[in-house]
């Protein structure tokens, strides 16, 4: 807390970024920052922003993606919460997610109650505007920070005590996750899982090619798709080389 890291957000730029002086002038306007904030560079693509106000921290962290406009250019960025052990080559598995609590009893719509219920899923940050204005009594929504690698309960049990009788009643509350991101444990990035990881697919194909080369090109018929095409081209190249060498010998 002394370092302000409990309310720190990382901006990861994918294709270039404005310099720090420009960012210091731009962030306050484009992020509508109300209080004081500090910007520093962690690594070429990563910027660390520390906010004094919790409201500014939540608002910045809620922008999962966006563009910074500077000097006629737009720089794409993604936001992550800062975590201990930050590694620029890996994305954190923590993400900001909206959760919905459908058919929640109306007496639980107070902010304190909602934040307590949401803490069973992750770290509660804020309730949505409809909750604040009390215009949607059918479903409550809370913004939380959760770990994508954790198991996410589909319902939780709430104990309700009747102050008059002293009896405790159990209420099972459904939890709906709005657009829960995926996390790949292979490349350590958000947005996809291992089954659709391009890096893992490329690595597996490289391993197949290496293994087949070690065994000889005779196993070509066992391969499929890109690996087979690659070895076909390689074998054709080898045959051309051998033909060229034979032609030189004859000459």
C-alpha atoms as a PDB file:
ATOM      1  CA  UNK A   1       0.000   0.000   0.000  1.00  0.00           C
ATOM      2  CA  UNK A   2       2.921   2.348   0.684  1.00  0.00           C
ATOM      3  CA  UNK A   3       4.038   1.887  -2.912  1.00  0.00           C
ATOM      4  CA  UNK A   4       0.507   2.346  -4.245  1.00  0.00           C
ATOM      5  CA  UNK A   5       0.608  -1.081  -5.874  1.00  0.00           C
ATOM      6  CA  UNK A   6      -2.706  -2.163  -4.359  1.00  0.00           C
ATOM      7  CA  UNK A   7      -4.315   0.179  -6.909  1.00  0.00           C
ATOM      8  CA  UNK A   8      -1.903  -0.324  -9.796  1.00  0.00           C
ATOM      9  CA  UNK A   9      -2.873  -1.102 -13.388  1.00  0.00           C
ATOM     10  CA  UNK A  10      -0.631  -2.372 -16.175  1.00  0.00           C
ATOM     11  CA  UNK A  11      -1.174  -1.152 -19.741  1.00  0.00           C
ATOM     12  CA  UNK A  12       0.261  -3.555 -22.315  1.00  0.00           C
ATOM     13  CA  UNK A  13       0.774  -2.029 -25.762  1.00  0.00           C
ATOM     14  CA  UNK A  14       0.831  -4.450 -28.676  1.00  0.00           C
ATOM     15  CA  UNK A  15       2.119  -2.282 -31.523  1.00  0.00           C
ATOM     16  CA  UNK A  16       4.129   0.664 -30.290  1.00  0.00           C
ATOM     17  CA  UNK A  17       3.124   3.322 -27.769  1.00  0.00           C
ATOM     18  CA  UNK A  18       3.378   7.068 -27.103  1.00  0.00           C
ATOM     19  CA  UNK A  19       6.338   8.239 -25.024  1.00  0.00           C
ATOM     20  CA  UNK A  20       5.903   8.752 -21.295  1.00  0.00           C
ATOM     21  CA  UNK A  21       5.568  12.531 -21.515  1.00  0.00           C
ATOM     22  CA  UNK A  22       2.679  12.170 -23.961  1.00  0.00           C
ATOM     23  CA  UNK A  23       1.030   9.464 -21.849  1.00  0.00           C
ATOM     24  CA  UNK A  24       1.158  11.658 -18.750  1.00  0.00           C
ATOM     25  CA  UNK A  25      -0.849  14.297 -20.605  1.00  0.00           C
ATOM     26  CA  UNK A  26      -3.207  11.878 -22.342  1.00  0.00           C
ATOM     27  CA  UNK A  27      -4.208   9.391 -19.610  1.00  0.00           C
ATOM     28  CA  UNK A  28      -6.008  11.903 -17.390  1.00  0.00           C
ATOM     29  CA  UNK A  29      -8.265  12.991 -20.272  1.00  0.00           C
ATOM     30  CA  UNK A  30      -8.907   9.678 -22.012  1.00  0.00           C
ATOM     31  CA  UNK A  31      -9.383   7.767 -18.735  1.00  0.00           C
ATOM     32  CA  UNK A  32     -11.269  10.632 -17.024  1.00  0.00           C
ATOM     33  CA  UNK A  33      -9.010  10.422 -13.964  1.00  0.00           C
ATOM     34  CA  UNK A  34     -10.349  12.357 -10.982  1.00  0.00           C
ATOM     35  CA  UNK A  35      -7.401  12.115  -8.558  1.00  0.00           C
ATOM     36  CA  UNK A  36      -3.620  11.932  -8.611  1.00  0.00           C
ATOM     37  CA  UNK A  37      -1.860   9.150 -10.520  1.00  0.00           C
ATOM     38  CA  UNK A  38       1.712   8.165 -11.324  1.00  0.00           C
ATOM     39  CA  UNK A  39       2.994   6.632 -14.579  1.00  0.00           C
ATOM     40  CA  UNK A  40       6.203   4.655 -15.016  1.00  0.00           C
ATOM     41  CA  UNK A  41       7.634   2.268 -17.589  1.00  0.00           C
ATOM     42  CA  UNK A  42       8.075  -1.344 -16.483  1.00  0.00           C
ATOM     43  CA  UNK A  43       9.312  -2.682 -19.791  1.00  0.00           C
ATOM     44  CA  UNK A  44       9.144  -1.518 -23.395  1.00  0.00           C
ATOM     45  CA  UNK A  45       5.534  -2.652 -23.950  1.00  0.00           C
ATOM     46  CA  UNK A  46       4.295  -2.354 -20.345  1.00  0.00           C
ATOM     47  CA  UNK A  47       3.334   0.816 -18.464  1.00  0.00           C
ATOM     48  CA  UNK A  48       2.518   0.862 -14.727  1.00  0.00           C
ATOM     49  CA  UNK A  49      -0.085   3.360 -13.515  1.00  0.00           C
ATOM     50  CA  UNK A  50      -0.724   3.854  -9.779  1.00  0.00           C
ATOM     51  CA  UNK A  51      -3.948   5.571  -8.799  1.00  0.00           C
ATOM     52  CA  UNK A  52      -4.688   7.359  -5.534  1.00  0.00           C
ATOM     53  CA  UNK A  53      -8.468   7.066  -5.887  1.00  0.00           C
ATOM     54  CA  UNK A  54     -10.108   3.638  -5.853  1.00  0.00           C
ATOM     55  CA  UNK A  55     -12.701   4.947  -8.320  1.00  0.00           C
ATOM     56  CA  UNK A  56      -9.980   5.757 -10.882  1.00  0.00           C
ATOM     57  CA  UNK A  57      -8.348   2.359 -10.341  1.00  0.00           C
ATOM     58  CA  UNK A  58     -11.607   0.481 -10.973  1.00  0.00           C
ATOM     59  CA  UNK A  59     -12.463   2.544 -14.034  1.00  0.00           C
ATOM     60  CA  UNK A  60      -9.032   2.020 -15.627  1.00  0.00           C
ATOM     61  CA  UNK A  61      -8.942  -1.691 -14.810  1.00  0.00           C
ATOM     62  CA  UNK A  62     -12.408  -2.132 -16.306  1.00  0.00           C
ATOM     63  CA  UNK A  63     -11.100  -1.088 -19.712  1.00  0.00           C
ATOM     64  CA  UNK A  64      -9.913  -4.516 -20.803  1.00  0.00           C
ATOM     65  CA  UNK A  65      -8.922  -3.162 -24.236  1.00  0.00           C
ATOM     66  CA  UNK A  66      -8.773   0.212 -25.909  1.00  0.00           C
ATOM     67  CA  UNK A  67      -6.811   2.722 -27.961  1.00  0.00           C
ATOM     68  CA  UNK A  68      -4.644   5.635 -26.882  1.00  0.00           C
ATOM     69  CA  UNK A  69      -4.834   8.483 -29.408  1.00  0.00           C
ATOM     70  CA  UNK A  70      -1.652  10.525 -29.818  1.00  0.00           C
ATOM     71  CA  UNK A  71      -0.388  12.709 -32.671  1.00  0.00           C
ATOM     72  CA  UNK A  72      -2.853  11.307 -35.170  1.00  0.00           C
ATOM     73  CA  UNK A  73      -2.076   7.667 -34.343  1.00  0.00           C
ATOM     74  CA  UNK A  74      -3.983   5.076 -32.320  1.00  0.00           C
ATOM     75  CA  UNK A  75      -2.079   2.671 -30.066  1.00  0.00           C
ATOM     76  CA  UNK A  76      -3.892  -0.505 -29.028  1.00  0.00           C
ATOM     77  CA  UNK A  77      -3.569  -1.530 -25.377  1.00  0.00           C
ATOM     78  CA  UNK A  78      -4.874  -4.117 -22.925  1.00  0.00           C
ATOM     79  CA  UNK A  79      -5.183  -3.651 -19.168  1.00  0.00           C
ATOM     80  CA  UNK A  80      -4.245  -6.015 -16.342  1.00  0.00           C
ATOM     81  CA  UNK A  81      -4.088  -5.682 -12.596  1.00  0.00           C
ATOM     82  CA  UNK A  82      -0.536  -5.574 -11.255  1.00  0.00           C
ATOM     83  CA  UNK A  83       0.449  -8.732  -9.365  1.00  0.00           C
ATOM     84  CA  UNK A  84       3.462  -9.748  -7.311  1.00  0.00           C
ATOM     85  CA  UNK A  85       5.982 -11.532  -9.516  1.00  0.00           C
ATOM     86  CA  UNK A  86       5.098  -9.543 -12.635  1.00  0.00           C
ATOM     87  CA  UNK A  87       6.686 -11.104 -15.723  1.00  0.00           C
ATOM     88  CA  UNK A  88       6.558  -9.160 -19.036  1.00  0.00           C
ATOM     89  CA  UNK A  89       6.582 -12.445 -20.983  1.00  0.00           C
ATOM     90  CA  UNK A  90       3.489 -13.765 -19.198  1.00  0.00           C
ATOM     91  CA  UNK A  91       0.031 -12.318 -18.673  1.00  0.00           C
ATOM     92  CA  UNK A  92      -1.575 -12.587 -15.267  1.00  0.00           C
ATOM     93  CA  UNK A  93      -4.420 -15.065 -14.830  1.00  0.00           C
ATOM     94  CA  UNK A  94      -6.391 -12.452 -12.880  1.00  0.00           C
ATOM     95  CA  UNK A  95      -9.146 -10.633 -14.764  1.00  0.00           C
ATOM     96  CA  UNK A  96     -12.001  -8.208 -14.125  1.00  0.00           C
ATOM     97  CA  UNK A  97     -15.372  -9.862 -14.734  1.00  0.00           C
ATOM     98  CA  UNK A  98     -19.005  -8.918 -14.201  1.00  0.00           C
ATOM     99  CA  UNK A  99     -21.032 -11.512 -12.325  1.00  0.00           C
ATOM    100  CA  UNK A 100     -24.847 -11.554 -12.253  1.00  0.00           C
ATOM    101  CA  UNK A 101     -27.001 -12.769  -9.384  1.00  0.00           C
ATOM    102  CA  UNK A 102     -30.410 -13.538 -10.922  1.00  0.00           C
ATOM    103  CA  UNK A 103     -33.510 -13.669  -8.729  1.00  0.00           C
ATOM    104  CA  UNK A 104     -31.618 -12.419  -5.693  1.00  0.00           C
ATOM    105  CA  UNK A 105     -34.001 -11.504  -2.854  1.00  0.00           C
ATOM    106  CA  UNK A 106     -34.636  -7.747  -2.817  1.00  0.00           C
ATOM    107  CA  UNK A 107     -33.430  -7.423   0.772  1.00  0.00           C
ATOM    108  CA  UNK A 108     -29.898  -8.341  -0.390  1.00  0.00           C
ATOM    109  CA  UNK A 109     -29.609  -5.508  -2.896  1.00  0.00           C
ATOM    110  CA  UNK A 110     -27.793  -3.242  -0.457  1.00  0.00           C
ATOM    111  CA  UNK A 111     -24.200  -2.641  -1.604  1.00  0.00           C
ATOM    112  CA  UNK A 112     -22.710  -4.108   1.582  1.00  0.00           C
ATOM    113  CA  UNK A 113     -24.666  -7.344   1.126  1.00  0.00           C
ATOM    114  CA  UNK A 114     -23.778  -7.624  -2.552  1.00  0.00           C
ATOM    115  CA  UNK A 115     -20.069  -7.106  -1.938  1.00  0.00           C
ATOM    116  CA  UNK A 116     -20.168  -9.764   0.775  1.00  0.00           C
ATOM    117  CA  UNK A 117     -21.880 -12.282  -1.532  1.00  0.00           C
ATOM    118  CA  UNK A 118     -19.523 -11.501  -4.431  1.00  0.00           C
ATOM    119  CA  UNK A 119     -16.469 -12.096  -2.207  1.00  0.00           C
ATOM    120  CA  UNK A 120     -17.243 -15.819  -2.450  1.00  0.00           C
ATOM    121  CA  UNK A 121     -16.183 -15.582  -6.127  1.00  0.00           C
ATOM    122  CA  UNK A 122     -13.384 -13.014  -6.145  1.00  0.00           C
ATOM    123  CA  UNK A 123     -12.435  -9.547  -4.980  1.00  0.00           C
ATOM    124  CA  UNK A 124     -15.501  -7.292  -5.370  1.00  0.00           C
ATOM    125  CA  UNK A 125     -14.838  -3.889  -6.927  1.00  0.00           C
ATOM    126  CA  UNK A 126     -18.160  -2.207  -7.660  1.00  0.00           C
ATOM    127  CA  UNK A 127     -21.852  -2.682  -8.413  1.00  0.00           C
ATOM    128  CA  UNK A 128     -23.303  -1.535 -11.727  1.00  0.00           C
ATOM    129  CA  UNK A 129     -25.212   1.717 -12.249  1.00  0.00           C
ATOM    130  CA  UNK A 130     -28.609   0.019 -12.396  1.00  0.00           C
ATOM    131  CA  UNK A 131     -27.921  -1.356  -8.927  1.00  0.00           C
ATOM    132  CA  UNK A 132     -26.932   2.057  -7.628  1.00  0.00           C
ATOM    133  CA  UNK A 133     -30.076   3.622  -9.088  1.00  0.00           C
ATOM    134  CA  UNK A 134     -32.261   0.659  -7.999  1.00  0.00           C
ATOM    135  CA  UNK A 135     -33.794   0.396 -11.477  1.00  0.00           C
ATOM    136  CA  UNK A 136     -33.346  -3.360 -11.969  1.00  0.00           C
ATOM    137  CA  UNK A 137     -34.715  -5.379  -9.039  1.00  0.00           C
ATOM    138  CA  UNK A 138     -34.609  -8.710 -10.939  1.00  0.00           C
ATOM    139  CA  UNK A 139     -30.838  -9.202 -11.169  1.00  0.00           C
ATOM    140  CA  UNK A 140     -27.860  -7.822  -9.284  1.00  0.00           C
ATOM    141  CA  UNK A 141     -24.506  -7.334 -10.994  1.00  0.00           C
ATOM    142  CA  UNK A 142     -21.124  -6.953  -9.317  1.00  0.00           C
ATOM    143  CA  UNK A 143     -17.709  -6.345 -10.840  1.00  0.00           C
ATOM    144  CA  UNK A 144     -15.032  -8.638  -9.355  1.00  0.00           C
ATOM    145  CA  UNK A 145     -11.383  -9.514  -9.864  1.00  0.00           C
ATOM    146  CA  UNK A 146     -10.992 -13.286 -10.043  1.00  0.00           C
ATOM    147  CA  UNK A 147      -8.364 -15.833 -11.011  1.00  0.00           C
ATOM    148  CA  UNK A 148      -9.168 -17.507 -14.319  1.00  0.00           C
ATOM    149  CA  UNK A 149      -7.381 -20.663 -13.169  1.00  0.00           C
ATOM    150  CA  UNK A 150      -9.633 -21.110 -10.146  1.00  0.00           C
ATOM    151  CA  UNK A 151     -12.832 -23.134 -10.160  1.00  0.00           C
ATOM    152  CA  UNK A 152     -15.741 -20.752 -10.509  1.00  0.00           C
ATOM    153  CA  UNK A 153     -18.836 -21.813  -8.544  1.00  0.00           C
ATOM    154  CA  UNK A 154     -22.150 -21.778 -10.373  1.00  0.00           C
ATOM    155  CA  UNK A 155     -24.005 -21.185  -7.137  1.00  0.00           C
ATOM    156  CA  UNK A 156     -23.253 -20.345  -3.523  1.00  0.00           C
ATOM    157  CA  UNK A 157     -25.079 -20.983  -0.262  1.00  0.00           C
ATOM    158  CA  UNK A 158     -26.219 -17.982   1.780  1.00  0.00           C
ATOM    159  CA  UNK A 159     -27.265 -18.270   5.413  1.00  0.00           C
ATOM    160  CA  UNK A 160     -30.121 -15.912   6.309  1.00  0.00           C
ATOM    161  CA  UNK A 161     -30.957 -15.320   9.948  1.00  0.00           C
ATOM    162  CA  UNK A 162     -34.452 -14.244  10.940  1.00  0.00           C
ATOM    163  CA  UNK A 163     -33.939 -11.623  13.645  1.00  0.00           C
ATOM    164  CA  UNK A 164     -37.356 -12.281  15.168  1.00  0.00           C
ATOM    165  CA  UNK A 165     -37.226 -16.075  15.408  1.00  0.00           C
ATOM    166  CA  UNK A 166     -33.450 -16.570  15.369  1.00  0.00           C
ATOM    167  CA  UNK A 167     -33.825 -19.303  12.768  1.00  0.00           C
ATOM    168  CA  UNK A 168     -31.268 -19.658   9.980  1.00  0.00           C
ATOM    169  CA  UNK A 169     -32.560 -20.278   6.468  1.00  0.00           C
ATOM    170  CA  UNK A 170     -30.356 -21.463   3.608  1.00  0.00           C
ATOM    171  CA  UNK A 171     -30.643 -19.756   0.210  1.00  0.00           C
ATOM    172  CA  UNK A 172     -28.829 -21.124  -2.842  1.00  0.00           C
ATOM    173  CA  UNK A 173     -27.884 -18.279  -5.161  1.00  0.00           C
ATOM    174  CA  UNK A 174     -27.074 -18.828  -8.848  1.00  0.00           C
ATOM    175  CA  UNK A 175     -24.012 -17.021 -10.252  1.00  0.00           C
ATOM    176  CA  UNK A 176     -23.692 -16.121 -13.929  1.00  0.00           C
ATOM    177  CA  UNK A 177     -20.319 -15.013 -15.306  1.00  0.00           C
ATOM    178  CA  UNK A 178     -20.537 -12.390 -18.046  1.00  0.00           C
ATOM    179  CA  UNK A 179     -17.944 -13.033 -20.787  1.00  0.00           C
ATOM    180  CA  UNK A 180     -15.489 -14.965 -18.637  1.00  0.00           C
ATOM    181  CA  UNK A 181     -12.115 -14.845 -20.469  1.00  0.00           C
ATOM    182  CA  UNK A 182     -10.109 -18.003 -21.169  1.00  0.00           C
ATOM    183  CA  UNK A 183      -6.514 -18.475 -20.033  1.00  0.00           C
ATOM    184  CA  UNK A 184      -3.846 -20.574 -21.731  1.00  0.00           C
ATOM    185  CA  UNK A 185      -1.521 -22.384 -19.334  1.00  0.00           C
ATOM    186  CA  UNK A 186       0.844 -23.150 -22.228  1.00  0.00           C
ATOM    187  CA  UNK A 187       1.741 -19.644 -23.458  1.00  0.00           C
ATOM    188  CA  UNK A 188       0.482 -17.851 -20.304  1.00  0.00           C
ATOM    189  CA  UNK A 189      -1.829 -15.452 -22.162  1.00  0.00           C
ATOM    190  CA  UNK A 190      -5.471 -14.506 -21.755  1.00  0.00           C
ATOM    191  CA  UNK A 191      -8.064 -14.858 -24.507  1.00  0.00           C
ATOM    192  CA  UNK A 192      -7.757 -18.533 -25.445  1.00  0.00           C
ATOM    193  CA  UNK A 193      -7.068 -21.960 -23.936  1.00  0.00           C
ATOM    194  CA  UNK A 194      -4.509 -24.684 -24.710  1.00  0.00           C
ATOM    195  CA  UNK A 195      -6.735 -26.346 -27.309  1.00  0.00           C
ATOM    196  CA  UNK A 196      -6.733 -23.217 -29.485  1.00  0.00           C
ATOM    197  CA  UNK A 197      -3.201 -21.998 -28.658  1.00  0.00           C
ATOM    198  CA  UNK A 198      -1.335 -21.132 -31.866  1.00  0.00           C
ATOM    199  CA  UNK A 199       2.057 -21.335 -30.160  1.00  0.00           C
ATOM    200  CA  UNK A 200       1.360 -24.853 -28.954  1.00  0.00           C
ATOM    201  CA  UNK A 201       0.113 -25.897 -32.399  1.00  0.00           C
ATOM    202  CA  UNK A 202       3.271 -24.573 -34.071  1.00  0.00           C
ATOM    203  CA  UNK A 203       5.473 -26.238 -31.460  1.00  0.00           C
ATOM    204  CA  UNK A 204       3.711 -29.582 -31.897  1.00  0.00           C
ATOM    205  CA  UNK A 205       4.166 -29.412 -35.681  1.00  0.00           C
ATOM    206  CA  UNK A 206       7.854 -28.613 -35.242  1.00  0.00           C
ATOM    207  CA  UNK A 207       8.217 -31.594 -32.912  1.00  0.00           C
ATOM    208  CA  UNK A 208       6.499 -33.870 -35.444  1.00  0.00           C
ATOM    209  CA  UNK A 209       8.808 -32.676 -38.211  1.00  0.00           C
ATOM    210  CA  UNK A 210      11.938 -33.151 -36.110  1.00  0.00           C
ATOM    211  CA  UNK A 211      10.839 -36.604 -34.970  1.00  0.00           C
ATOM    212  CA  UNK A 212      10.068 -37.660 -38.547  1.00  0.00           C
ATOM    213  CA  UNK A 213      13.401 -36.342 -39.804  1.00  0.00           C
ATOM    214  CA  UNK A 214      15.160 -38.345 -37.128  1.00  0.00           C
ATOM    215  CA  UNK A 215      13.310 -41.481 -38.209  1.00  0.00           C
ATOM    216  CA  UNK A 216      13.800 -40.771 -41.913  1.00  0.00           C
ATOM    217  CA  UNK A 217      11.387 -39.508 -44.546  1.00  0.00           C
ATOM    218  CA  UNK A 218       9.920 -42.982 -45.063  1.00  0.00           C
ATOM    219  CA  UNK A 219       7.167 -42.255 -42.525  1.00  0.00           C
ATOM    220  CA  UNK A 220       5.702 -39.458 -44.620  1.00  0.00           C
ATOM    221  CA  UNK A 221       2.419 -41.308 -45.238  1.00  0.00           C
ATOM    222  CA  UNK A 222       1.675 -41.276 -41.492  1.00  0.00           C
ATOM    223  CA  UNK A 223       1.623 -37.482 -41.397  1.00  0.00           C
ATOM    224  CA  UNK A 224      -1.207 -35.107 -42.221  1.00  0.00           C
ATOM    225  CA  UNK A 225      -1.874 -31.480 -43.139  1.00  0.00           C
ATOM    226  CA  UNK A 226       0.943 -28.948 -42.636  1.00  0.00           C
ATOM    227  CA  UNK A 227       3.539 -31.420 -41.366  1.00  0.00           C
ATOM    228  CA  UNK A 228       3.030 -33.656 -44.412  1.00  0.00           C
ATOM    229  CA  UNK A 229       3.177 -30.699 -46.818  1.00  0.00           C
ATOM    230  CA  UNK A 230       6.378 -29.500 -45.163  1.00  0.00           C
ATOM    231  CA  UNK A 231       8.127 -32.862 -45.511  1.00  0.00           C
ATOM    232  CA  UNK A 232       6.834 -33.297 -49.069  1.00  0.00           C
ATOM    233  CA  UNK A 233       8.452 -30.008 -50.000  1.00  0.00           C
ATOM    234  CA  UNK A 234      11.618 -30.934 -48.152  1.00  0.00           C
ATOM    235  CA  UNK A 235      11.856 -34.337 -49.846  1.00  0.00           C
ATOM    236  CA  UNK A 236      11.274 -32.712 -53.252  1.00  0.00           C
ATOM    237  CA  UNK A 237      14.083 -30.287 -52.501  1.00  0.00           C
ATOM    238  CA  UNK A 238      16.419 -33.120 -51.561  1.00  0.00           C
ATOM    239  CA  UNK A 239      15.634 -34.975 -54.812  1.00  0.00           C
ATOM    240  CA  UNK A 240      16.379 -31.820 -56.804  1.00  0.00           C
ATOM    241  CA  UNK A 241      19.702 -31.431 -54.997  1.00  0.00           C
ATOM    242  CA  UNK A 242      20.635 -35.050 -55.712  1.00  0.00           C
ATOM    243  CA  UNK A 243      19.714 -34.649 -59.396  1.00  0.00           C
ATOM    244  CA  UNK A 244      21.823 -31.501 -59.633  1.00  0.00           C
ATOM    245  CA  UNK A 245      24.807 -33.255 -58.069  1.00  0.00           C
ATOM    246  CA  UNK A 246      24.439 -36.211 -60.472  1.00  0.00           C
ATOM    247  CA  UNK A 247      24.322 -33.840 -63.439  1.00  0.00           C
ATOM    248  CA  UNK A 248      27.571 -32.188 -62.351  1.00  0.00           C
ATOM    249  CA  UNK A 249      29.280 -35.563 -61.997  1.00  0.00           C
ATOM    250  CA  UNK A 250      28.215 -36.565 -65.521  1.00  0.00           C
ATOM    251  CA  UNK A 251      29.544 -33.293 -66.912  1.00  0.00           C
END
